[in-house]
Each structure stands twice: as C-alpha cells, then as structure tokens.
C-alpha cells in the first residue's frame, strides 16, 4: 500500500457510521466521489455490504443500498465516500 492509498483510505468513522446505519436500518446521506472525480450526493436506505468483488480482494469494500436519486439499488466503493451522515 502506497502513500496515496493511505491518503485516500476512508476515515474509520465512515465505516463506523455505515455499520451503525446497517444495524439500526437507518438511511444515510453521502457525498461520493465518482471515478472521474465528480462529487454526487446520494441518500441510501436498506444498506448492506456488497461482496460481489470479494474474489478480487475487495471484501467489505463496497456497500449497496436503495438510492433515492436513481430509484434503484446501487453499489458504492467505501473509500470514495467523502462524507456521511445518518438522516433517519
């Protein structure tokens, strides 16, 4: 893991908020940096880990949830979440 990887690694509190929201079945609001660098704001409910990519070494590195913006289940890479808060 290089210095840039450490810099871009999500803060521990992001994972703690995700875990708390999953346990309590809460909705979260996130600011998410897409692969092209743009930031989008999303509200997610029914959050869980998406381990579709676990065979590639990404165990618990993605979450999935019902995105209110898109009206469908979406997957988000945790280390691209720039801010997070529980809203309900």
N, C-alpha and C. Protein backbone atom coordinates (compact mmCIF):
# COMPACT_ATOMS: atom_id res chain seq x y z
N UNK A 1 0.85 -1.17 0.00
CA UNK A 1 0.00 0.00 0.00
C UNK A 1 0.89 1.23 0.00
N UNK A 2 0.69 2.08 -0.98
CA UNK A 2 1.50 3.28 -1.10
C UNK A 2 0.92 4.44 -0.32
N UNK A 3 1.63 5.55 -0.33
CA UNK A 3 1.22 6.75 0.40
C UNK A 3 -0.13 7.27 -0.11
N UNK A 4 -0.32 7.25 -1.44
CA UNK A 4 -1.58 7.72 -2.00
C UNK A 4 -2.75 6.84 -1.53
N UNK A 5 -2.53 5.53 -1.43
CA UNK A 5 -3.57 4.63 -0.93
C UNK A 5 -3.95 4.98 0.51
N UNK A 6 -2.97 5.29 1.32
CA UNK A 6 -3.24 5.66 2.71
C UNK A 6 -4.00 6.98 2.78
N UNK A 7 -3.64 7.93 1.92
CA UNK A 7 -4.29 9.23 1.89
C UNK A 7 -5.76 9.09 1.51
N UNK A 8 -6.06 8.23 0.52
CA UNK A 8 -7.41 8.07 0.02
C UNK A 8 -8.26 7.09 0.81
N UNK A 9 -7.66 6.41 1.77
CA UNK A 9 -8.39 5.43 2.58
C UNK A 9 -9.44 6.16 3.41
N UNK A 10 -10.68 5.64 3.46
CA UNK A 10 -11.71 6.33 4.22
C UNK A 10 -11.38 6.36 5.70
N UNK A 11 -11.79 7.44 6.33
CA UNK A 11 -11.58 7.54 7.76
C UNK A 11 -12.41 6.47 8.48
N UNK A 12 -11.93 6.06 9.62
CA UNK A 12 -12.59 5.00 10.37
C UNK A 12 -14.04 5.35 10.65
N UNK A 13 -14.34 6.62 10.88
CA UNK A 13 -15.70 6.98 11.23
C UNK A 13 -16.69 6.72 10.10
N UNK A 14 -16.26 6.72 8.83
CA UNK A 14 -17.15 6.38 7.72
C UNK A 14 -17.63 4.94 7.88
N UNK A 15 -16.73 4.04 8.14
CA UNK A 15 -17.11 2.64 8.33
C UNK A 15 -17.97 2.46 9.58
N UNK A 16 -17.68 3.22 10.63
CA UNK A 16 -18.48 3.12 11.85
C UNK A 16 -19.92 3.60 11.60
N UNK A 17 -20.08 4.67 10.86
CA UNK A 17 -21.42 5.18 10.55
C UNK A 17 -22.16 4.19 9.67
N UNK A 18 -21.48 3.61 8.68
CA UNK A 18 -22.10 2.60 7.82
C UNK A 18 -22.58 1.43 8.67
N UNK A 19 -21.73 0.94 9.55
CA UNK A 19 -22.09 -0.20 10.40
C UNK A 19 -23.29 0.13 11.28
N UNK A 20 -23.28 1.31 11.88
CA UNK A 20 -24.39 1.72 12.75
C UNK A 20 -25.69 1.81 11.95
N UNK A 21 -25.62 2.38 10.74
CA UNK A 21 -26.82 2.51 9.90
C UNK A 21 -27.35 1.13 9.47
N UNK A 22 -26.44 0.20 9.19
CA UNK A 22 -26.88 -1.14 8.82
C UNK A 22 -27.59 -1.83 9.99
N UNK A 23 -26.99 -1.77 11.16
CA UNK A 23 -27.54 -2.44 12.34
C UNK A 23 -28.91 -1.86 12.71
N UNK A 24 -29.03 -0.52 12.61
CA UNK A 24 -30.26 0.14 13.02
C UNK A 24 -31.23 0.39 11.86
N UNK A 25 -30.88 -0.13 10.67
CA UNK A 25 -31.74 0.01 9.48
C UNK A 25 -32.09 1.47 9.20
N UNK A 26 -31.04 2.31 9.21
CA UNK A 26 -31.22 3.74 9.01
C UNK A 26 -30.82 4.15 7.59
N UNK A 27 -31.27 5.33 7.20
CA UNK A 27 -30.93 5.92 5.91
C UNK A 27 -29.75 6.85 6.10
N UNK A 28 -28.84 6.84 5.13
CA UNK A 28 -27.67 7.71 5.19
C UNK A 28 -27.66 8.67 4.00
N UNK A 29 -26.99 9.80 4.19
CA UNK A 29 -26.70 10.74 3.11
C UNK A 29 -25.19 10.73 2.93
N UNK A 30 -24.75 10.58 1.69
CA UNK A 30 -23.31 10.56 1.42
C UNK A 30 -22.95 11.55 0.33
N UNK A 31 -21.72 12.01 0.38
CA UNK A 31 -21.10 12.70 -0.75
C UNK A 31 -20.09 11.70 -1.28
N UNK A 32 -20.23 11.39 -2.55
CA UNK A 32 -19.48 10.30 -3.17
C UNK A 32 -18.69 10.82 -4.36
N UNK A 33 -17.39 10.51 -4.37
CA UNK A 33 -16.54 10.91 -5.49
C UNK A 33 -16.52 9.80 -6.52
N UNK A 34 -17.08 10.09 -7.68
CA UNK A 34 -17.13 9.10 -8.75
C UNK A 34 -15.73 8.90 -9.35
N UNK A 35 -15.59 7.86 -10.15
CA UNK A 35 -14.30 7.51 -10.74
C UNK A 35 -13.67 8.66 -11.53
N UNK A 36 -14.50 9.55 -12.08
CA UNK A 36 -13.97 10.67 -12.87
C UNK A 36 -13.67 11.91 -12.02
N UNK A 37 -13.88 11.79 -10.70
CA UNK A 37 -13.55 12.89 -9.79
C UNK A 37 -14.73 13.76 -9.41
N UNK A 38 -15.85 13.65 -10.10
CA UNK A 38 -17.00 14.47 -9.76
C UNK A 38 -17.65 13.95 -8.48
N UNK A 39 -18.27 14.87 -7.77
CA UNK A 39 -18.91 14.54 -6.50
C UNK A 39 -20.42 14.50 -6.71
N UNK A 40 -21.05 13.46 -6.19
CA UNK A 40 -22.50 13.39 -6.22
C UNK A 40 -23.00 13.18 -4.80
N UNK A 41 -24.21 13.63 -4.54
CA UNK A 41 -24.83 13.46 -3.23
C UNK A 41 -25.94 12.44 -3.38
N UNK A 42 -25.97 11.48 -2.47
CA UNK A 42 -26.94 10.38 -2.53
C UNK A 42 -27.54 10.13 -1.16
N UNK A 43 -28.76 9.62 -1.16
CA UNK A 43 -29.39 9.11 0.06
C UNK A 43 -29.62 7.62 -0.17
N UNK A 44 -29.16 6.81 0.78
CA UNK A 44 -29.24 5.36 0.65
C UNK A 44 -29.99 4.76 1.82
N UNK A 45 -30.88 3.83 1.51
CA UNK A 45 -31.57 3.07 2.54
C UNK A 45 -31.34 1.59 2.27
N UNK A 46 -31.72 0.74 3.21
CA UNK A 46 -31.51 -0.71 3.09
C UNK A 46 -30.05 -1.05 2.78
N UNK A 47 -29.16 -0.49 3.55
CA UNK A 47 -27.72 -0.62 3.30
C UNK A 47 -27.20 -1.97 3.75
N UNK A 48 -26.28 -2.50 2.96
CA UNK A 48 -25.59 -3.74 3.30
C UNK A 48 -24.26 -3.75 2.55
N UNK A 49 -23.38 -4.65 2.94
CA UNK A 49 -22.13 -4.80 2.18
C UNK A 49 -22.41 -5.50 0.87
N UNK A 50 -21.72 -5.11 -0.16
CA UNK A 50 -21.80 -5.78 -1.46
C UNK A 50 -20.47 -6.47 -1.69
N UNK A 51 -20.44 -7.78 -1.52
CA UNK A 51 -19.19 -8.52 -1.67
C UNK A 51 -19.09 -9.24 -3.01
N UNK A 52 -19.73 -8.66 -4.03
CA UNK A 52 -19.64 -9.20 -5.38
C UNK A 52 -18.18 -9.28 -5.83
N UNK A 53 -17.37 -8.34 -5.34
CA UNK A 53 -15.97 -8.25 -5.76
C UNK A 53 -15.00 -8.90 -4.77
N UNK A 54 -15.51 -9.71 -3.84
CA UNK A 54 -14.68 -10.32 -2.80
C UNK A 54 -13.59 -11.22 -3.40
N UNK A 55 -13.88 -11.90 -4.50
CA UNK A 55 -12.88 -12.76 -5.13
C UNK A 55 -11.69 -11.97 -5.66
N UNK A 56 -11.88 -10.67 -5.87
CA UNK A 56 -10.82 -9.81 -6.36
C UNK A 56 -10.12 -9.08 -5.21
N UNK A 57 -10.41 -9.47 -3.98
CA UNK A 57 -9.75 -8.88 -2.82
C UNK A 57 -10.48 -7.70 -2.21
N UNK A 58 -11.73 -7.47 -2.58
CA UNK A 58 -12.48 -6.32 -2.10
C UNK A 58 -13.57 -6.73 -1.12
N UNK A 59 -13.23 -7.47 -0.06
CA UNK A 59 -14.19 -7.89 0.94
C UNK A 59 -14.59 -6.69 1.81
N UNK A 60 -15.89 -6.42 1.88
CA UNK A 60 -16.45 -5.30 2.65
C UNK A 60 -15.89 -3.94 2.23
N UNK A 61 -15.50 -3.79 0.97
CA UNK A 61 -15.01 -2.51 0.46
C UNK A 61 -16.08 -1.74 -0.30
N UNK A 62 -17.26 -2.35 -0.47
CA UNK A 62 -18.37 -1.72 -1.18
C UNK A 62 -19.64 -1.87 -0.36
N UNK A 63 -20.51 -0.87 -0.47
CA UNK A 63 -21.84 -1.00 0.12
C UNK A 63 -22.87 -0.92 -1.01
N UNK A 64 -24.01 -1.48 -0.74
CA UNK A 64 -25.12 -1.35 -1.68
C UNK A 64 -26.32 -0.84 -0.89
N UNK A 65 -27.17 -0.14 -1.58
CA UNK A 65 -28.36 0.37 -0.93
C UNK A 65 -29.31 0.95 -1.95
N UNK A 66 -30.51 1.20 -1.51
CA UNK A 66 -31.53 1.80 -2.37
C UNK A 66 -31.23 3.28 -2.48
N UNK A 67 -30.89 3.73 -3.69
CA UNK A 67 -30.51 5.12 -3.96
C UNK A 67 -31.77 5.91 -4.32
N UNK A 68 -32.06 6.95 -3.54
CA UNK A 68 -33.26 7.75 -3.81
C UNK A 68 -33.12 8.55 -5.11
N UNK A 69 -31.91 8.91 -5.51
CA UNK A 69 -31.71 9.67 -6.75
C UNK A 69 -32.02 8.82 -7.97
N UNK A 70 -31.55 7.58 -7.99
CA UNK A 70 -31.73 6.70 -9.14
C UNK A 70 -32.96 5.81 -9.03
N UNK A 71 -33.51 5.67 -7.81
CA UNK A 71 -34.69 4.83 -7.62
C UNK A 71 -34.42 3.36 -7.80
N UNK A 72 -33.18 2.95 -7.53
CA UNK A 72 -32.82 1.54 -7.66
C UNK A 72 -31.65 1.23 -6.75
N UNK A 73 -31.36 -0.05 -6.57
CA UNK A 73 -30.21 -0.45 -5.76
C UNK A 73 -28.93 -0.10 -6.51
N UNK A 74 -28.00 0.51 -5.78
CA UNK A 74 -26.72 0.91 -6.36
C UNK A 74 -25.59 0.47 -5.43
N UNK A 75 -24.39 0.35 -6.00
CA UNK A 75 -23.20 -0.03 -5.25
C UNK A 75 -22.22 1.13 -5.20
N UNK A 76 -21.59 1.33 -4.03
CA UNK A 76 -20.65 2.42 -3.83
C UNK A 76 -19.39 1.90 -3.15
N UNK A 77 -18.24 2.30 -3.65
CA UNK A 77 -16.96 1.93 -3.05
C UNK A 77 -16.73 2.81 -1.82
N UNK A 78 -16.51 2.18 -0.69
CA UNK A 78 -16.43 2.90 0.57
C UNK A 78 -15.32 3.95 0.57
N UNK A 79 -14.19 3.66 -0.04
CA UNK A 79 -13.10 4.65 0.02
C UNK A 79 -13.36 5.87 -0.86
N UNK A 80 -14.45 5.90 -1.61
CA UNK A 80 -14.82 7.09 -2.39
C UNK A 80 -15.87 7.94 -1.67
N UNK A 81 -16.33 7.48 -0.50
CA UNK A 81 -17.29 8.26 0.28
C UNK A 81 -16.51 9.36 1.00
N UNK A 82 -16.85 10.60 0.68
CA UNK A 82 -16.12 11.74 1.24
C UNK A 82 -16.75 12.29 2.50
N UNK A 83 -18.07 12.11 2.64
CA UNK A 83 -18.74 12.46 3.90
C UNK A 83 -19.99 11.60 4.02
N UNK A 84 -20.42 11.41 5.26
CA UNK A 84 -21.55 10.53 5.53
C UNK A 84 -22.25 11.01 6.79
N UNK A 85 -23.58 10.89 6.77
CA UNK A 85 -24.35 11.15 7.98
C UNK A 85 -25.63 10.33 7.96
N UNK A 86 -26.09 9.98 9.13
CA UNK A 86 -27.34 9.27 9.27
C UNK A 86 -28.45 10.31 9.27
N UNK A 87 -29.48 10.09 8.43
CA UNK A 87 -30.56 11.09 8.35
C UNK A 87 -31.88 10.60 8.92
N UNK A 88 -32.07 9.29 9.04
CA UNK A 88 -33.29 8.77 9.69
C UNK A 88 -32.96 7.53 10.47
